[in-house]
Amino acid sequence: MPFIPDEMRKCVVYLGYRMADGSERLAGISIFLARPVSPDRPGQSFVYIVTARHVLDSIRDKGLDIVLVRANMKPGTSPPMIWAETKLSDWIPHKDKSVDIAVFKVKIWSPNFDHIVFPLDSCDLSAFHESEKISIGEEVFIIGLFRSHYGKTKNIPIVRIGNIAAVP
């Protein structure tokens, strides 16, 4: 079984929307990722929130144009969790509609967020090269939202472990 650092859950925020009565609803999850600006500028990164395109599509289908980002705040901060507003039009979906991904360049970061940013340059993406395909049986983990136990005053992402069962 793979070891999953608890910090991975701190990369996750929830996305949602506001109902006409002012109440918030959850729509899905997203993750903070950082992409280095360039090799000659170490320590400088662009920070993005990345989600599945279908999460944003479900918000758009409700006739809404605001995407809420539900973020945990550091312990002792009041409130312990906030809903930050982003414009749906600021989210950039992949050009290929069959690719279920969209990104938002972070403009809402607070030093009081109890989140970390996952650095993409720490990933070994060589397994995605044609010569080293990911195959059936490989272990994977997914951090997600368990709709009936999401956390009332802060996000509580869950971790699921499995393996790749089929490859098209």
Protein backbone atom coordinates (compact mmCIF):
# COMPACT_ATOMS: atom_id res chain seq x y z
CA MET A 1 0.00 0.00 0.00
CA PRO A 2 1.45 3.42 -0.93
CA PHE A 3 2.30 5.99 1.74
CA ILE A 4 0.27 9.15 1.27
CA PRO A 5 1.64 12.19 3.11
CA ASP A 6 -1.07 13.99 5.10
CA GLU A 7 0.15 17.23 3.49
CA MET A 8 -1.47 16.07 0.24
CA ARG A 9 -4.88 16.73 1.81
CA LYS A 10 -3.77 20.30 2.58
CA CYS A 11 -3.48 20.95 -1.17
CA VAL A 12 -7.23 20.43 -1.59
CA VAL A 13 -9.97 23.06 -1.47
CA TYR A 14 -13.65 22.59 -2.22
CA LEU A 15 -15.55 24.41 -4.95
CA GLY A 16 -19.13 25.46 -4.70
CA TYR A 17 -21.79 28.01 -5.54
CA ARG A 18 -24.27 30.26 -3.77
CA MET A 19 -28.00 29.60 -3.95
CA ALA A 20 -30.56 32.41 -4.39
CA ASP A 21 -31.32 32.22 -0.64
CA GLY A 22 -27.63 32.94 0.15
CA SER A 23 -26.72 29.41 1.24
CA GLU A 24 -23.64 27.72 -0.20
CA ARG A 25 -23.55 24.30 -1.88
CA LEU A 26 -20.56 22.12 -2.68
CA ALA A 27 -19.88 21.17 -6.29
CA GLY A 28 -16.51 19.39 -6.22
CA ILE A 29 -12.86 19.61 -5.27
CA SER A 30 -9.77 21.29 -6.59
CA ILE A 31 -6.09 21.29 -5.79
CA PHE A 32 -3.45 24.01 -5.42
CA LEU A 33 -0.57 23.41 -7.85
CA ALA A 34 2.57 25.45 -8.52
CA ARG A 35 4.44 25.62 -11.82
CA PRO A 36 7.93 27.12 -11.78
CA VAL A 37 8.22 30.46 -13.59
CA SER A 38 11.43 29.31 -15.27
CA PRO A 39 14.57 27.28 -14.45
CA ASP A 40 16.62 30.46 -14.05
CA ARG A 41 14.19 31.85 -11.41
CA PRO A 42 14.31 29.26 -8.61
CA GLY A 43 11.72 29.60 -5.89
CA GLN A 44 9.31 31.56 -8.09
CA SER A 45 6.15 29.84 -9.22
CA PHE A 46 2.78 30.47 -10.75
CA VAL A 47 0.06 29.11 -8.44
CA TYR A 48 -3.11 27.61 -9.85
CA ILE A 49 -6.27 25.97 -8.60
CA VAL A 50 -6.98 22.95 -10.81
CA THR A 51 -10.30 21.16 -11.03
CA ALA A 52 -12.40 19.00 -13.34
CA ARG A 53 -14.14 20.94 -16.09
CA HIS A 54 -17.43 19.17 -15.34
CA VAL A 55 -17.50 20.78 -11.86
CA LEU A 56 -17.50 24.23 -13.48
CA ASP A 57 -19.96 23.10 -16.15
CA SER A 58 -22.42 22.07 -13.42
CA ILE A 59 -22.18 25.56 -11.88
CA ARG A 60 -22.62 27.22 -15.29
CA ASP A 61 -25.61 24.97 -16.04
CA LYS A 62 -27.34 26.47 -12.98
CA GLY A 63 -27.08 29.90 -14.63
CA LEU A 64 -24.42 31.08 -12.17
CA ASP A 65 -21.23 33.01 -12.92
CA ILE A 66 -19.51 32.89 -9.51
CA VAL A 67 -17.44 29.91 -8.36
CA LEU A 68 -16.84 29.74 -4.63
CA VAL A 69 -13.56 28.37 -3.26
CA ARG A 70 -14.03 26.94 0.23
CA ALA A 71 -10.68 27.14 2.03
CA ASN A 72 -9.58 26.20 5.54
CA MET A 73 -7.96 28.87 7.67
CA LYS A 74 -5.07 28.29 10.07
CA PRO A 75 -6.00 27.08 13.57
CA GLY A 76 -7.02 29.94 15.81
CA THR A 77 -8.20 32.06 12.88
CA SER A 78 -11.82 33.10 12.91
CA PRO A 79 -13.73 31.98 10.98
CA PRO A 80 -12.04 28.56 10.61
CA MET A 81 -13.11 28.34 6.94
CA ILE A 82 -14.03 30.87 4.25
CA TRP A 83 -15.78 30.97 0.89
CA ALA A 84 -13.72 33.08 -1.56
CA GLU A 85 -15.45 34.24 -4.75
CA THR A 86 -13.99 33.75 -8.23
CA LYS A 87 -15.56 34.57 -11.57
CA LEU A 88 -16.46 31.58 -13.69
CA SER A 89 -15.02 33.47 -16.69
CA ASP A 90 -11.58 33.53 -14.98
CA TRP A 91 -11.37 29.72 -15.04
CA ILE A 92 -9.62 28.38 -18.14
CA PRO A 93 -10.80 25.00 -19.44
CA HIS A 94 -8.59 22.80 -21.60
CA LYS A 95 -8.99 23.58 -25.31
CA ASP A 96 -9.90 19.96 -26.02
CA LYS A 97 -13.43 19.49 -24.64
CA SER A 98 -12.76 15.79 -24.05
CA VAL A 99 -10.11 16.71 -21.45
CA ASP A 100 -11.89 17.18 -18.12
CA ILE A 101 -9.68 19.87 -16.58
CA ALA A 102 -9.77 23.61 -15.91
CA VAL A 103 -7.41 26.00 -14.10
CA PHE A 104 -7.64 29.28 -12.24
CA LYS A 105 -4.57 31.47 -11.71
CA VAL A 106 -4.61 32.22 -7.99
CA LYS A 107 -5.35 35.80 -7.04
CA ILE A 108 -7.01 35.03 -3.72
CA TRP A 109 -4.14 33.62 -1.61
CA SER A 110 -4.09 34.56 2.07
CA PRO A 111 -1.25 33.87 4.52
CA ASN A 112 -4.01 32.64 6.86
CA PHE A 113 -4.98 29.77 4.54
CA ASP A 114 -4.23 26.39 6.10
CA HIS A 115 -3.24 24.99 2.72
CA ILE A 116 -0.07 24.20 0.86
CA VAL A 117 0.71 24.30 -2.83
CA PHE A 118 1.83 21.10 -4.55
CA PRO A 119 4.93 21.83 -6.67
CA LEU A 120 4.66 20.27 -10.13
CA ASP A 121 8.44 20.23 -10.49
CA SER A 122 8.54 17.61 -7.70
CA CYS A 123 6.64 15.14 -9.90
CA ASP A 124 8.28 12.53 -12.04
CA LEU A 125 6.06 12.58 -15.10
CA SER A 126 8.23 10.14 -17.06
CA ALA A 127 5.57 7.44 -16.63
CA PHE A 128 3.38 9.43 -19.02
CA HIS A 129 5.89 9.10 -21.86
CA GLU A 130 4.93 6.68 -24.58
CA SER A 131 7.82 4.33 -23.76
CA GLU A 132 6.86 4.04 -20.06
CA LYS A 133 3.08 3.80 -20.14
CA ILE A 134 1.08 3.60 -16.95
CA SER A 135 -0.60 0.22 -17.03
CA ILE A 136 -3.24 -1.97 -15.45
CA GLY A 137 -2.60 -2.82 -11.82
CA GLU A 138 -0.65 0.35 -10.94
CA GLU A 139 -1.62 1.75 -7.55
CA VAL A 140 -3.15 5.22 -7.41
CA PHE A 141 -4.67 7.44 -4.78
CA ILE A 142 -7.30 10.10 -5.13
CA ILE A 143 -8.06 12.86 -2.68
CA GLY A 144 -11.68 13.86 -2.78
CA LEU A 145 -14.90 15.01 -1.26
CA PHE A 146 -17.16 12.62 0.61
CA ARG A 147 -20.45 14.50 0.24
CA SER A 148 -22.00 13.25 3.47
CA HIS A 149 -18.89 13.98 5.60
CA TYR A 150 -17.29 17.09 4.07
CA GLY A 151 -16.86 19.00 7.34
CA LYS A 152 -19.20 21.63 8.73
CA THR A 153 -16.64 24.22 9.88
CA LYS A 154 -13.65 23.14 7.76
CA ASN A 155 -12.90 20.98 4.75
CA ILE A 156 -12.12 17.35 5.54
CA PRO A 157 -10.87 15.77 2.30
CA ILE A 158 -10.76 11.99 2.16
CA VAL A 159 -8.22 9.71 0.51
CA ARG A 160 -9.18 6.75 -1.63
CA ILE A 161 -6.70 4.10 -2.72
CA GLY A 162 -7.11 1.78 -5.66
CA ASN A 163 -5.48 0.60 -8.82
CA ILE A 164 -5.91 1.11 -12.51
CA ALA A 165 -8.39 -1.53 -13.65
CA ALA A 166 -8.56 -0.75 -17.38
CA VAL A 167 -6.76 1.30 -19.99
CA PRO A 168 -8.49 2.23 -23.27
